[in-house]
Amino acid sequence: MQAARTIEILRTERGLSQRQLADRVTAFGRPMSNTMLSRIERAQR
């Protein structure tokens, strides 16, 4: 749960939307949708 909250905090501090962060992660070679990121942040995955 702690990691999920940390991801959300860091993402919002940097002014990124879930879509923007998901796109960046995908660009680094790990396909990710904003839905998947949302689930990670809510600790549902």
N, C-alpha and C. Protein backbone atom coordinates (compact mmCIF):
# COMPACT_ATOMS: atom_id res chain seq x y z
N MET A 1 0.83 -1.20 0.00
CA MET A 1 0.00 0.00 0.00
C MET A 1 0.87 1.26 0.00
N GLN A 2 1.98 1.23 0.72
CA GLN A 2 2.87 2.39 0.80
C GLN A 2 3.41 2.77 -0.57
N ALA A 3 3.83 1.79 -1.35
CA ALA A 3 4.38 2.09 -2.68
C ALA A 3 3.33 2.73 -3.57
N ALA A 4 2.10 2.23 -3.49
CA ALA A 4 1.02 2.78 -4.31
C ALA A 4 0.79 4.26 -3.99
N ARG A 5 0.79 4.60 -2.72
CA ARG A 5 0.59 5.99 -2.30
C ARG A 5 1.77 6.86 -2.74
N THR A 6 2.97 6.32 -2.64
CA THR A 6 4.16 7.05 -3.05
C THR A 6 4.13 7.38 -4.54
N ILE A 7 3.71 6.43 -5.35
CA ILE A 7 3.60 6.66 -6.80
C ILE A 7 2.65 7.82 -7.06
N GLU A 8 1.51 7.79 -6.40
CA GLU A 8 0.51 8.86 -6.61
C GLU A 8 1.06 10.22 -6.16
N ILE A 9 1.70 10.25 -5.01
CA ILE A 9 2.24 11.52 -4.49
C ILE A 9 3.29 12.08 -5.44
N LEU A 10 4.23 11.25 -5.85
CA LEU A 10 5.29 11.72 -6.75
C LEU A 10 4.74 12.17 -8.09
N ARG A 11 3.75 11.42 -8.60
CA ARG A 11 3.14 11.78 -9.88
C ARG A 11 2.48 13.16 -9.79
N THR A 12 1.71 13.39 -8.75
CA THR A 12 1.01 14.67 -8.63
C THR A 12 1.97 15.82 -8.33
N GLU A 13 3.03 15.56 -7.56
CA GLU A 13 4.03 16.60 -7.30
C GLU A 13 4.70 17.06 -8.59
N ARG A 14 4.85 16.16 -9.52
CA ARG A 14 5.47 16.50 -10.80
C ARG A 14 4.48 17.02 -11.83
N GLY A 15 3.22 17.08 -11.44
CA GLY A 15 2.20 17.65 -12.32
C GLY A 15 1.81 16.74 -13.47
N LEU A 16 1.96 15.45 -13.29
CA LEU A 16 1.63 14.50 -14.36
C LEU A 16 0.25 13.89 -14.13
N SER A 17 -0.47 13.71 -15.22
CA SER A 17 -1.72 12.96 -15.14
C SER A 17 -1.38 11.48 -15.16
N GLN A 18 -2.34 10.65 -14.84
CA GLN A 18 -2.12 9.21 -14.92
C GLN A 18 -1.78 8.81 -16.36
N ARG A 19 -2.44 9.42 -17.31
CA ARG A 19 -2.18 9.12 -18.72
C ARG A 19 -0.74 9.48 -19.09
N GLN A 20 -0.28 10.65 -18.65
CA GLN A 20 1.08 11.07 -18.98
C GLN A 20 2.12 10.13 -18.38
N LEU A 21 1.92 9.73 -17.14
CA LEU A 21 2.86 8.81 -16.51
C LEU A 21 2.82 7.45 -17.19
N ALA A 22 1.63 6.98 -17.51
CA ALA A 22 1.51 5.69 -18.21
C ALA A 22 2.22 5.75 -19.56
N ASP A 23 2.10 6.86 -20.26
CA ASP A 23 2.79 7.02 -21.55
C ASP A 23 4.31 7.00 -21.37
N ARG A 24 4.80 7.63 -20.32
CA ARG A 24 6.24 7.64 -20.06
C ARG A 24 6.75 6.25 -19.73
N VAL A 25 6.00 5.53 -18.91
CA VAL A 25 6.39 4.15 -18.56
C VAL A 25 6.42 3.29 -19.82
N THR A 26 5.41 3.46 -20.67
CA THR A 26 5.35 2.70 -21.93
C THR A 26 6.55 3.04 -22.82
N ALA A 27 6.94 4.30 -22.85
CA ALA A 27 8.08 4.72 -23.67
C ALA A 27 9.38 4.07 -23.20
N PHE A 28 9.44 3.72 -21.91
CA PHE A 28 10.63 3.05 -21.37
C PHE A 28 10.58 1.54 -21.54
N GLY A 29 9.54 1.06 -22.24
CA GLY A 29 9.51 -0.35 -22.59
C GLY A 29 8.60 -1.24 -21.75
N ARG A 30 7.82 -0.64 -20.86
CA ARG A 30 6.88 -1.42 -20.04
C ARG A 30 5.47 -0.94 -20.35
N PRO A 31 4.78 -1.63 -21.25
CA PRO A 31 3.43 -1.17 -21.63
C PRO A 31 2.52 -0.99 -20.42
N MET A 32 1.90 0.18 -20.35
CA MET A 32 1.01 0.47 -19.22
C MET A 32 -0.09 1.42 -19.68
N SER A 33 -1.31 1.14 -19.28
CA SER A 33 -2.43 2.03 -19.57
C SER A 33 -2.70 2.87 -18.32
N ASN A 34 -3.45 3.94 -18.51
CA ASN A 34 -3.81 4.75 -17.35
C ASN A 34 -4.72 3.97 -16.41
N THR A 35 -5.51 3.03 -16.94
CA THR A 35 -6.35 2.18 -16.10
C THR A 35 -5.48 1.31 -15.19
N MET A 36 -4.44 0.75 -15.75
CA MET A 36 -3.53 -0.08 -14.96
C MET A 36 -2.86 0.75 -13.87
N LEU A 37 -2.43 1.95 -14.21
CA LEU A 37 -1.81 2.84 -13.23
C LEU A 37 -2.79 3.20 -12.13
N SER A 38 -4.02 3.46 -12.49
CA SER A 38 -5.05 3.76 -11.50
C SER A 38 -5.22 2.62 -10.52
N ARG A 39 -5.23 1.41 -11.04
CA ARG A 39 -5.36 0.23 -10.17
C ARG A 39 -4.16 0.08 -9.24
N ILE A 40 -2.98 0.37 -9.76
CA ILE A 40 -1.78 0.31 -8.92
C ILE A 40 -1.88 1.34 -7.81
N GLU A 41 -2.27 2.56 -8.13
CA GLU A 41 -2.37 3.61 -7.12
C GLU A 41 -3.42 3.31 -6.07
N ARG A 42 -4.46 2.61 -6.45
CA ARG A 42 -5.51 2.24 -5.49
C ARG A 42 -5.20 0.91 -4.82
N ALA A 43 -4.03 0.35 -5.11
CA ALA A 43 -3.57 -0.92 -4.55
C ALA A 43 -4.54 -2.05 -4.85
N GLN A 44 -5.08 -2.05 -6.08
CA GLN A 44 -5.98 -3.10 -6.50
C GLN A 44 -5.30 -4.08 -7.43
N ARG A 45 -4.04 -3.90 -7.66
CA ARG A 45 -3.33 -4.79 -8.57
C ARG A 45 -2.05 -5.25 -7.90
